[in-house]
């Protein structure tokens, strides 16, 4: 759904924040399209449009390519950041990401 959000020019940041929070803080099932629609709506995004766009074959293809790209960079979880080929994992590593970007 985040790929669909990006493809439609919407604010992916809202969804990228809402989905992990839904899973880890609220114990919600993001394998359910109705639940995903509700999460998007709660994030002030059009859930019905995003769910439909997420199921488009072109969106699915882009998602699979993104997944392959992430795996080739040894990404194993979210959030992950890659700066100049170096992988940083975890929200608690943002200060490291900031130093790498400043270097």
PDB file of N, CA and C in Angstrom:
ATOM      1  N   UNK A   1       0.816  -1.174   0.000  1.00  0.00           N
ATOM      2  CA  UNK A   1       0.000   0.000   0.000  1.00  0.00           C
ATOM      3  C   UNK A   1       0.870   1.252   0.000  1.00  0.00           C
ATOM      4  N   UNK A   2       2.058   1.174   0.584  1.00  0.00           N
ATOM      5  CA  UNK A   2       2.939   2.344   0.555  1.00  0.00           C
ATOM      6  C   UNK A   2       3.403   2.632  -0.868  1.00  0.00           C
ATOM      7  N   UNK A   3       3.609   1.603  -1.666  1.00  0.00           N
ATOM      8  CA  UNK A   3       3.980   1.806  -3.072  1.00  0.00           C
ATOM      9  C   UNK A   3       2.825   2.478  -3.804  1.00  0.00           C
ATOM     10  N   UNK A   4       1.621   2.033  -3.554  1.00  0.00           N
ATOM     11  CA  UNK A   4       0.446   2.650  -4.174  1.00  0.00           C
ATOM     12  C   UNK A   4       0.347   4.107  -3.764  1.00  0.00           C
ATOM     13  N   UNK A   5       0.569   4.385  -2.517  1.00  0.00           N
ATOM     14  CA  UNK A   5       0.518   5.748  -1.996  1.00  0.00           C
ATOM     15  C   UNK A   5       1.528   6.632  -2.736  1.00  0.00           C
ATOM     16  N   UNK A   6       2.729   6.120  -2.898  1.00  0.00           N
ATOM     17  CA  UNK A   6       3.771   6.865  -3.607  1.00  0.00           C
ATOM     18  C   UNK A   6       3.415   7.047  -5.079  1.00  0.00           C
ATOM     19  N   UNK A   7       2.927   5.990  -5.700  1.00  0.00           N
ATOM     20  CA  UNK A   7       2.561   6.062  -7.119  1.00  0.00           C
ATOM     21  C   UNK A   7       1.459   7.084  -7.377  1.00  0.00           C
ATOM     22  N   UNK A   8       0.596   7.279  -6.387  1.00  0.00           N
ATOM     23  CA  UNK A   8      -0.504   8.231  -6.528  1.00  0.00           C
ATOM     24  C   UNK A   8      -0.124   9.640  -6.073  1.00  0.00           C
ATOM     25  N   UNK A   9       1.128   9.818  -5.658  1.00  0.00           N
ATOM     26  CA  UNK A   9       1.597  11.142  -5.252  1.00  0.00           C
ATOM     27  C   UNK A   9       1.064  11.595  -3.904  1.00  0.00           C
ATOM     28  N   UNK A  10       0.679  10.648  -3.078  1.00  0.00           N
ATOM     29  CA  UNK A  10       0.158  10.977  -1.749  1.00  0.00           C
ATOM     30  C   UNK A  10       1.290  10.988  -0.730  1.00  0.00           C
ATOM     31  N   UNK A  11       1.002  11.442   0.463  1.00  0.00           N
ATOM     32  CA  UNK A  11       1.994  11.549   1.540  1.00  0.00           C
ATOM     33  C   UNK A  11       2.284  10.171   2.124  1.00  0.00           C
ATOM     34  N   UNK A  12       3.336   9.539   1.632  1.00  0.00           N
ATOM     35  CA  UNK A  12       3.678   8.198   2.112  1.00  0.00           C
ATOM     36  C   UNK A  12       4.121   8.207   3.565  1.00  0.00           C
ATOM     37  N   UNK A  13       4.628   9.339   4.030  1.00  0.00           N
ATOM     38  CA  UNK A  13       5.075   9.429   5.415  1.00  0.00           C
ATOM     39  C   UNK A  13       3.972   9.082   6.398  1.00  0.00           C
ATOM     40  N   UNK A  14       2.767   9.513   6.099  1.00  0.00           N
ATOM     41  CA  UNK A  14       1.632   9.201   6.978  1.00  0.00           C
ATOM     42  C   UNK A  14       1.430   7.696   7.092  1.00  0.00           C
ATOM     43  N   UNK A  15       1.514   7.020   5.970  1.00  0.00           N
ATOM     44  CA  UNK A  15       1.284   5.574   5.947  1.00  0.00           C
ATOM     45  C   UNK A  15       2.473   4.814   6.530  1.00  0.00           C
ATOM     46  N   UNK A  16       3.671   5.265   6.225  1.00  0.00           N
ATOM     47  CA  UNK A  16       4.873   4.610   6.748  1.00  0.00           C
ATOM     48  C   UNK A  16       4.907   4.696   8.276  1.00  0.00           C
ATOM     49  N   UNK A  17       4.351   5.739   8.838  1.00  0.00           N
ATOM     50  CA  UNK A  17       4.252   5.856  10.288  1.00  0.00           C
ATOM     51  C   UNK A  17       3.091   5.018  10.827  1.00  0.00           C
ATOM     52  N   UNK A  18       1.953   5.068  10.146  1.00  0.00           N
ATOM     53  CA  UNK A  18       0.736   4.423  10.648  1.00  0.00           C
ATOM     54  C   UNK A  18       0.816   2.897  10.633  1.00  0.00           C
ATOM     55  N   UNK A  19       1.415   2.319   9.607  1.00  0.00           N
ATOM     56  CA  UNK A  19       1.413   0.851   9.501  1.00  0.00           C
ATOM     57  C   UNK A  19       2.215   0.164  10.602  1.00  0.00           C
ATOM     58  N   UNK A  20       3.477   0.554  10.858  1.00  0.00           N
ATOM     59  CA  UNK A  20       4.192  -0.101  11.962  1.00  0.00           C
ATOM     60  C   UNK A  20       3.520   0.139  13.320  1.00  0.00           C
ATOM     61  N   UNK A  21       2.981   1.330  13.508  1.00  0.00           N
ATOM     62  CA  UNK A  21       2.274   1.617  14.754  1.00  0.00           C
ATOM     63  C   UNK A  21       1.064   0.685  14.905  1.00  0.00           C
ATOM     64  N   UNK A  22       0.350   0.475  13.796  1.00  0.00           N
ATOM     65  CA  UNK A  22      -0.811  -0.412  13.825  1.00  0.00           C
ATOM     66  C   UNK A  22      -0.413  -1.834  14.214  1.00  0.00           C
ATOM     67  N   UNK A  23       0.707  -2.296  13.699  1.00  0.00           N
ATOM     68  CA  UNK A  23       1.154  -3.666  13.981  1.00  0.00           C
ATOM     69  C   UNK A  23       1.706  -3.779  15.395  1.00  0.00           C
ATOM     70  N   UNK A  24       2.666  -2.933  15.733  1.00  0.00           N
ATOM     71  CA  UNK A  24       3.411  -3.122  16.975  1.00  0.00           C
ATOM     72  C   UNK A  24       2.758  -2.496  18.197  1.00  0.00           C
ATOM     73  N   UNK A  25       2.075  -1.376  18.027  1.00  0.00           N
ATOM     74  CA  UNK A  25       1.472  -0.717  19.187  1.00  0.00           C
ATOM     75  C   UNK A  25       0.001  -1.087  19.368  1.00  0.00           C
ATOM     76  N   UNK A  26      -0.675  -1.402  18.258  1.00  0.00           N
ATOM     77  CA  UNK A  26      -2.111  -1.650  18.335  1.00  0.00           C
ATOM     78  C   UNK A  26      -2.493  -3.099  18.042  1.00  0.00           C
ATOM     79  N   UNK A  27      -1.523  -3.927  17.687  1.00  0.00           N
ATOM     80  CA  UNK A  27      -1.751  -5.352  17.405  1.00  0.00           C
ATOM     81  C   UNK A  27      -2.851  -5.568  16.369  1.00  0.00           C
ATOM     82  N   UNK A  28      -2.779  -4.783  15.278  1.00  0.00           N
ATOM     83  CA  UNK A  28      -3.776  -4.887  14.211  1.00  0.00           C
ATOM     84  C   UNK A  28      -3.249  -5.785  13.087  1.00  0.00           C
ATOM     85  N   UNK A  29      -4.157  -6.370  12.341  1.00  0.00           N
ATOM     86  CA  UNK A  29      -3.825  -7.314  11.284  1.00  0.00           C
ATOM     87  C   UNK A  29      -3.695  -6.587   9.942  1.00  0.00           C
ATOM     88  N   UNK A  30      -2.465  -6.339   9.505  1.00  0.00           N
ATOM     89  CA  UNK A  30      -2.277  -5.643   8.230  1.00  0.00           C
ATOM     90  C   UNK A  30      -2.298  -6.597   7.043  1.00  0.00           C
ATOM     91  N   UNK A  31      -2.699  -7.829   7.279  1.00  0.00           N
ATOM     92  CA  UNK A  31      -2.933  -8.775   6.182  1.00  0.00           C
ATOM     93  C   UNK A  31      -4.380  -8.747   5.730  1.00  0.00           C
ATOM     94  N   UNK A  32      -5.168  -7.875   6.307  1.00  0.00           N
ATOM     95  CA  UNK A  32      -6.583  -7.757   6.001  1.00  0.00           C
ATOM     96  C   UNK A  32      -6.816  -6.428   5.275  1.00  0.00           C
ATOM     97  N   UNK A  33      -7.362  -6.512   4.056  1.00  0.00           N
ATOM     98  CA  UNK A  33      -7.562  -5.297   3.254  1.00  0.00           C
ATOM     99  C   UNK A  33      -8.486  -4.300   3.943  1.00  0.00           C
ATOM    100  N   UNK A  34      -9.504  -4.784   4.644  1.00  0.00           N
ATOM    101  CA  UNK A  34     -10.422  -3.864   5.347  1.00  0.00           C
ATOM    102  C   UNK A  34      -9.704  -3.131   6.472  1.00  0.00           C
ATOM    103  N   UNK A  35      -8.830  -3.850   7.148  1.00  0.00           N
ATOM    104  CA  UNK A  35      -8.044  -3.232   8.224  1.00  0.00           C
ATOM    105  C   UNK A  35      -7.079  -2.197   7.647  1.00  0.00           C
ATOM    106  N   UNK A  36      -6.455  -2.533   6.523  1.00  0.00           N
ATOM    107  CA  UNK A  36      -5.553  -1.575   5.862  1.00  0.00           C
ATOM    108  C   UNK A  36      -6.301  -0.320   5.418  1.00  0.00           C
ATOM    109  N   UNK A  37      -7.486  -0.504   4.905  1.00  0.00           N
ATOM    110  CA  UNK A  37      -8.300   0.640   4.498  1.00  0.00           C
ATOM    111  C   UNK A  37      -8.585   1.536   5.703  1.00  0.00           C
ATOM    112  N   UNK A  38      -8.937   0.922   6.823  1.00  0.00           N
ATOM    113  CA  UNK A  38      -9.230   1.683   8.037  1.00  0.00           C
ATOM    114  C   UNK A  38      -7.994   2.428   8.536  1.00  0.00           C
ATOM    115  N   UNK A  39      -6.849   1.779   8.506  1.00  0.00           N
ATOM    116  CA  UNK A  39      -5.602   2.418   8.949  1.00  0.00           C
ATOM    117  C   UNK A  39      -5.286   3.622   8.072  1.00  0.00           C
ATOM    118  N   UNK A  40      -5.426   3.460   6.770  1.00  0.00           N
ATOM    119  CA  UNK A  40      -5.180   4.580   5.854  1.00  0.00           C
ATOM    120  C   UNK A  40      -6.154   5.719   6.119  1.00  0.00           C
ATOM    121  N   UNK A  41      -7.415   5.394   6.285  1.00  0.00           N
ATOM    122  CA  UNK A  41      -8.419   6.423   6.583  1.00  0.00           C
ATOM    123  C   UNK A  41      -8.065   7.183   7.858  1.00  0.00           C
ATOM    124  N   UNK A  42      -7.633   6.460   8.878  1.00  0.00           N
ATOM    125  CA  UNK A  42      -7.258   7.081  10.150  1.00  0.00           C
ATOM    126  C   UNK A  42      -6.033   7.985   9.992  1.00  0.00           C
ATOM    127  N   UNK A  43      -5.227   7.707   8.969  1.00  0.00           N
ATOM    128  CA  UNK A  43      -4.040   8.522   8.687  1.00  0.00           C
ATOM    129  C   UNK A  43      -4.373   9.658   7.717  1.00  0.00           C
ATOM    130  N   UNK A  44      -5.658   9.917   7.530  1.00  0.00           N
ATOM    131  CA  UNK A  44      -6.144  10.985   6.633  1.00  0.00           C
ATOM    132  C   UNK A  44      -5.783  10.734   5.172  1.00  0.00           C
ATOM    133  N   UNK A  45      -5.809   9.475   4.797  1.00  0.00           N
ATOM    134  CA  UNK A  45      -5.573   9.063   3.414  1.00  0.00           C
ATOM    135  C   UNK A  45      -6.810   8.311   2.922  1.00  0.00           C
ATOM    136  N   UNK A  46      -7.062   8.311   1.608  1.00  0.00           N
ATOM    137  CA  UNK A  46      -8.236   7.605   1.082  1.00  0.00           C
ATOM    138  C   UNK A  46      -7.997   6.093   1.015  1.00  0.00           C
ATOM    139  N   UNK A  47      -8.396   5.411   2.072  1.00  0.00           N
ATOM    140  CA  UNK A  47      -8.130   3.988   2.178  1.00  0.00           C
ATOM    141  C   UNK A  47      -8.682   3.165   1.035  1.00  0.00           C
ATOM    142  N   UNK A  48      -9.888   3.477   0.585  1.00  0.00           N
ATOM    143  CA  UNK A  48     -10.488   2.690  -0.493  1.00  0.00           C
ATOM    144  C   UNK A  48      -9.670   2.807  -1.777  1.00  0.00           C
ATOM    145  N   UNK A  49      -9.206   3.999  -2.074  1.00  0.00           N
ATOM    146  CA  UNK A  49      -8.402   4.214  -3.281  1.00  0.00           C
ATOM    147  C   UNK A  49      -7.052   3.513  -3.151  1.00  0.00           C
ATOM    148  N   UNK A  50      -6.444   3.594  -1.981  1.00  0.00           N
ATOM    149  CA  UNK A  50      -5.132   2.957  -1.778  1.00  0.00           C
ATOM    150  C   UNK A  50      -5.220   1.441  -1.835  1.00  0.00           C
ATOM    151  N   UNK A  51      -6.268   0.869  -1.261  1.00  0.00           N
ATOM    152  CA  UNK A  51      -6.434  -0.593  -1.307  1.00  0.00           C
ATOM    153  C   UNK A  51      -6.589  -1.046  -2.756  1.00  0.00           C
ATOM    154  N   UNK A  52      -7.388  -0.331  -3.516  1.00  0.00           N
ATOM    155  CA  UNK A  52      -7.577  -0.682  -4.930  1.00  0.00           C
ATOM    156  C   UNK A  52      -6.260  -0.541  -5.695  1.00  0.00           C
ATOM    157  N   UNK A  53      -5.550   0.559  -5.489  1.00  0.00           N
ATOM    158  CA  UNK A  53      -4.292   0.798  -6.195  1.00  0.00           C
ATOM    159  C   UNK A  53      -3.214  -0.204  -5.780  1.00  0.00           C
ATOM    160  N   UNK A  54      -3.251  -0.633  -4.521  1.00  0.00           N
ATOM    161  CA  UNK A  54      -2.261  -1.593  -4.035  1.00  0.00           C
ATOM    162  C   UNK A  54      -2.391  -2.940  -4.729  1.00  0.00           C
ATOM    163  N   UNK A  55      -3.576  -3.250  -5.224  1.00  0.00           N
ATOM    164  CA  UNK A  55      -3.816  -4.532  -5.875  1.00  0.00           C
ATOM    165  C   UNK A  55      -3.599  -4.493  -7.387  1.00  0.00           C
ATOM    166  N   UNK A  56      -3.206  -3.330  -7.889  1.00  0.00           N
ATOM    167  CA  UNK A  56      -2.906  -3.190  -9.318  1.00  0.00           C
ATOM    168  C   UNK A  56      -1.617  -3.961  -9.629  1.00  0.00           C
ATOM    169  N   UNK A  57      -1.585  -4.727 -10.720  1.00  0.00           N
ATOM    170  CA  UNK A  57      -0.386  -5.504 -11.052  1.00  0.00           C
ATOM    171  C   UNK A  57       0.886  -4.665 -11.167  1.00  0.00           C
ATOM    172  N   UNK A  58       0.796  -3.447 -11.673  1.00  0.00           N
ATOM    173  CA  UNK A  58       1.988  -2.594 -11.786  1.00  0.00           C
ATOM    174  C   UNK A  58       2.511  -2.210 -10.399  1.00  0.00           C
ATOM    175  N   UNK A  59       1.601  -1.982  -9.467  1.00  0.00           N
ATOM    176  CA  UNK A  59       2.005  -1.670  -8.094  1.00  0.00           C
ATOM    177  C   UNK A  59       2.652  -2.886  -7.457  1.00  0.00           C
ATOM    178  N   UNK A  60       2.066  -4.038  -7.666  1.00  0.00           N
ATOM    179  CA  UNK A  60       2.634  -5.275  -7.128  1.00  0.00           C
ATOM    180  C   UNK A  60       4.026  -5.534  -7.699  1.00  0.00           C
ATOM    181  N   UNK A  61       4.206  -5.289  -8.995  1.00  0.00           N
ATOM    182  CA  UNK A  61       5.524  -5.461  -9.619  1.00  0.00           C
ATOM    183  C   UNK A  61       6.556  -4.524  -8.998  1.00  0.00           C
ATOM    184  N   UNK A  62       6.160  -3.269  -8.779  1.00  0.00           N
ATOM    185  CA  UNK A  62       7.082  -2.312  -8.171  1.00  0.00           C
ATOM    186  C   UNK A  62       7.428  -2.730  -6.744  1.00  0.00           C
ATOM    187  N   UNK A  63       6.442  -3.216  -6.009  1.00  0.00           N
ATOM    188  CA  UNK A  63       6.684  -3.705  -4.658  1.00  0.00           C
ATOM    189  C   UNK A  63       7.694  -4.856  -4.663  1.00  0.00           C
ATOM    190  N   UNK A  64       7.516  -5.798  -5.577  1.00  0.00           N
ATOM    191  CA  UNK A  64       8.443  -6.934  -5.660  1.00  0.00           C
ATOM    192  C   UNK A  64       9.852  -6.476  -6.007  1.00  0.00           C
ATOM    193  N   UNK A  65       9.966  -5.494  -6.910  1.00  0.00           N
ATOM    194  CA  UNK A  65      11.283  -4.957  -7.256  1.00  0.00           C
ATOM    195  C   UNK A  65      11.912  -4.256  -6.058  1.00  0.00           C
ATOM    196  N   UNK A  66      11.115  -3.480  -5.334  1.00  0.00           N
ATOM    197  CA  UNK A  66      11.618  -2.812  -4.127  1.00  0.00           C
ATOM    198  C   UNK A  66      12.109  -3.828  -3.103  1.00  0.00           C
ATOM    199  N   UNK A  67      11.362  -4.924  -2.970  1.00  0.00           N
ATOM    200  CA  UNK A  67      11.753  -5.981  -2.031  1.00  0.00           C
ATOM    201  C   UNK A  67      13.075  -6.605  -2.444  1.00  0.00           C
ATOM    202  N   UNK A  68      13.222  -6.899  -3.723  1.00  0.00           N
ATOM    203  CA  UNK A  68      14.488  -7.456  -4.215  1.00  0.00           C
ATOM    204  C   UNK A  68      15.642  -6.493  -3.980  1.00  0.00           C
ATOM    205  N   UNK A  69      15.408  -5.204  -4.236  1.00  0.00           N
ATOM    206  CA  UNK A  69      16.440  -4.193  -4.006  1.00  0.00           C
ATOM    207  C   UNK A  69      16.833  -4.139  -2.528  1.00  0.00           C
ATOM    208  N   UNK A  70      15.852  -4.198  -1.652  1.00  0.00           N
ATOM    209  CA  UNK A  70      16.128  -4.160  -0.210  1.00  0.00           C
ATOM    210  C   UNK A  70      16.925  -5.389   0.219  1.00  0.00           C
ATOM    211  N   UNK A  71      16.523  -6.554  -0.251  1.00  0.00           N
ATOM    212  CA  UNK A  71      17.238  -7.778   0.112  1.00  0.00           C
ATOM    213  C   UNK A  71      18.666  -7.769  -0.408  1.00  0.00           C
ATOM    214  N   UNK A  72      18.875  -7.201  -1.579  1.00  0.00           N
ATOM    215  CA  UNK A  72      20.239  -7.138  -2.131  1.00  0.00           C
ATOM    216  C   UNK A  72      21.132  -6.211  -1.309  1.00  0.00           C
ATOM    217  N   UNK A  73      20.509  -5.336  -0.517  1.00  0.00           N
ATOM    218  CA  UNK A  73      21.262  -4.431   0.364  1.00  0.00           C
ATOM    219  C   UNK A  73      21.290  -4.940   1.801  1.00  0.00           C
ATOM    220  N   UNK A  74      20.847  -6.186   2.003  1.00  0.00           N
ATOM    221  CA  UNK A  74      20.812  -6.839   3.314  1.00  0.00           C
ATOM    222  C   UNK A  74      19.845  -6.197   4.293  1.00  0.00           C
ATOM    223  N   UNK A  75      18.828  -5.512   3.789  1.00  0.00           N
ATOM    224  CA  UNK A  75      17.785  -4.970   4.660  1.00  0.00           C
ATOM    225  C   UNK A  75      16.999  -6.145   5.220  1.00  0.00           C
ATOM    226  N   UNK A  76      16.761  -6.116   6.527  1.00  0.00           N
ATOM    227  CA  UNK A  76      16.050  -7.228   7.148  1.00  0.00           C
ATOM    228  C   UNK A  76      14.881  -6.783   7.999  1.00  0.00           C
ATOM    229  N   UNK A  77      14.611  -5.505   8.069  1.00  0.00           N
ATOM    230  CA  UNK A  77      13.500  -5.033   8.870  1.00  0.00           C
ATOM    231  C   UNK A  77      13.270  -3.548   8.668  1.00  0.00           C
ATOM    232  N   UNK A  78      12.241  -3.047   9.343  1.00  0.00           N
ATOM    233  CA  UNK A  78      11.944  -1.627   9.250  1.00  0.00           C
ATOM    234  C   UNK A  78      12.005  -1.019  10.641  1.00  0.00           C
ATOM    235  N   UNK A  79      12.382   0.231  10.693  1.00  0.00           N
ATOM    236  CA  UNK A  79      12.866   1.049   9.582  1.00  0.00           C
ATOM    237  C   UNK A  79      14.330   0.762   9.302  1.00  0.00           C
ATOM    238  N   UNK A  80      14.676   0.813   8.050  1.00  0.00           N
ATOM    239  CA  UNK A  80      16.061   0.660   7.607  1.00  0.00           C
ATOM    240  C   UNK A  80      16.425   1.835   6.725  1.00  0.00           C
ATOM    241  N   UNK A  81      17.662   2.241   6.831  1.00  0.00           N
ATOM    242  CA  UNK A  81      18.162   3.366   6.048  1.00  0.00           C
ATOM    243  C   UNK A  81      19.498   2.950   5.453  1.00  0.00           C
ATOM    244  N   UNK A  82      19.705   3.277   4.191  1.00  0.00           N
ATOM    245  CA  UNK A  82      20.977   3.000   3.536  1.00  0.00           C
ATOM    246  C   UNK A  82      21.560   4.336   3.099  1.00  0.00           C
ATOM    247  N   UNK A  83      22.758   4.634   3.603  1.00  0.00           N
ATOM    248  CA  UNK A  83      23.457   5.870   3.253  1.00  0.00           C
ATOM    249  C   UNK A  83      24.819   5.478   2.700  1.00  0.00           C
ATOM    250  N   UNK A  84      25.066   5.842   1.464  1.00  0.00           N
ATOM    251  CA  UNK A  84      26.333   5.510   0.794  1.00  0.00           C
ATOM    252  C   UNK A  84      26.695   4.042   0.961  1.00  0.00           C
ATOM    253  N   UNK A  85      25.700   3.176   0.814  1.00  0.00           N
ATOM    254  CA  UNK A  85      25.926   1.743   0.874  1.00  0.00           C
ATOM    255  C   UNK A  85      25.949   1.161   2.275  1.00  0.00           C
ATOM    256  N   UNK A  86      25.903   1.992   3.310  1.00  0.00           N
ATOM    257  CA  UNK A  86      25.925   1.503   4.687  1.00  0.00           C
ATOM    258  C   UNK A  86      24.498   1.405   5.221  1.00  0.00           C
ATOM    259  N   UNK A  87      24.173   0.263   5.809  1.00  0.00           N
ATOM    260  CA  UNK A  87      22.835  -0.004   6.319  1.00  0.00           C
ATOM    261  C   UNK A  87      22.729   0.397   7.787  1.00  0.00           C
ATOM    262  N   UNK A  88      21.663   1.113   8.103  1.00  0.00           N
ATOM    263  CA  UNK A  88      21.338   1.461   9.482  1.00  0.00           C
ATOM    264  C   UNK A  88      19.941   0.921   9.747  1.00  0.00           C
ATOM    265  N   UNK A  89      19.783   0.186  10.847  1.00  0.00           N
ATOM    266  CA  UNK A  89      18.488  -0.401  11.146  1.00  0.00           C
ATOM    267  C   UNK A  89      17.998   0.088  12.498  1.00  0.00           C
ATOM    268  N   UNK A  90      16.762   0.515  12.529  1.00  0.00           N
ATOM    269  CA  UNK A  90      16.110   0.882  13.773  1.00  0.00           C
ATOM    270  C   UNK A  90      15.957   2.375  13.955  1.00  0.00           C
ATOM    271  N   UNK A  91      14.852   2.738  14.554  1.00  0.00           N
ATOM    272  CA  UNK A  91      14.566   4.147  14.817  1.00  0.00           C
ATOM    273  C   UNK A  91      15.603   4.752  15.761  1.00  0.00           C
ATOM    274  N   UNK A  92      16.192   3.927  16.601  1.00  0.00           N
ATOM    275  CA  UNK A  92      17.194   4.418  17.540  1.00  0.00           C
ATOM    276  C   UNK A  92      18.547   4.676  16.871  1.00  0.00           C
ATOM    277  N   UNK A  93      18.640   4.471  15.560  1.00  0.00           N
ATOM    278  CA  UNK A  93      19.882   4.725  14.824  1.00  0.00           C
ATOM    279  C   UNK A  93      19.811   6.009  13.985  1.00  0.00           C
ATOM    280  N   UNK A  94      18.763   6.784  14.166  1.00  0.00           N
ATOM    281  CA  UNK A  94      18.614   7.993  13.355  1.00  0.00           C
ATOM    282  C   UNK A  94      19.765   8.981  13.555  1.00  0.00           C
ATOM    283  N   UNK A  95      20.330   9.018  14.766  1.00  0.00           N
ATOM    284  CA  UNK A  95      21.478   9.903  14.960  1.00  0.00           C
ATOM    285  C   UNK A  95      22.672   9.435  14.125  1.00  0.00           C
ATOM    286  N   UNK A  96      22.815   8.134  13.958  1.00  0.00           N
ATOM    287  CA  UNK A  96      23.889   7.597  13.120  1.00  0.00           C
ATOM    288  C   UNK A  96      23.636   7.950  11.644  1.00  0.00           C
ATOM    289  N   UNK A  97      22.381   7.842  11.236  1.00  0.00           N
ATOM    290  CA  UNK A  97      22.012   8.202   9.861  1.00  0.00           C
ATOM    291  C   UNK A  97      22.322   9.676   9.619  1.00  0.00           C
ATOM    292  N   UNK A  98      21.981  10.499  10.581  1.00  0.00           N
ATOM    293  CA  UNK A  98      22.239  11.937  10.456  1.00  0.00           C
ATOM    294  C   UNK A  98      23.736  12.217  10.327  1.00  0.00           C
ATOM    295  N   UNK A  99      24.566  11.536  11.130  1.00  0.00           N
ATOM    296  CA  UNK A  99      26.028  11.727  11.017  1.00  0.00           C
ATOM    297  C   UNK A  99      26.540  11.250   9.667  1.00  0.00           C
ATOM    298  N   UNK A 100      26.008  10.127   9.177  1.00  0.00           N
ATOM    299  CA  UNK A 100      26.445   9.604   7.868  1.00  0.00           C
ATOM    300  C   UNK A 100      26.066  10.581   6.750  1.00  0.00           C
ATOM    301  N   UNK A 101      24.891  11.179   6.840  1.00  0.00           N
ATOM    302  CA  UNK A 101      24.451  12.132   5.825  1.00  0.00           C
ATOM    303  C   UNK A 101      25.294  13.409   5.861  1.00  0.00           C
ATOM    304  N   UNK A 102      25.741  13.787   7.055  1.00  0.00           N
ATOM    305  CA  UNK A 102      26.542  15.007   7.202  1.00  0.00           C
ATOM    306  C   UNK A 102      27.985  14.814   6.760  1.00  0.00           C
ATOM    307  N   UNK A 103      28.432  13.565   6.736  1.00  0.00           N
ATOM    308  CA  UNK A 103      29.839  13.280   6.394  1.00  0.00           C
ATOM    309  C   UNK A 103      30.139  13.506   4.925  1.00  0.00           C
TER     310      UNK A 103
END
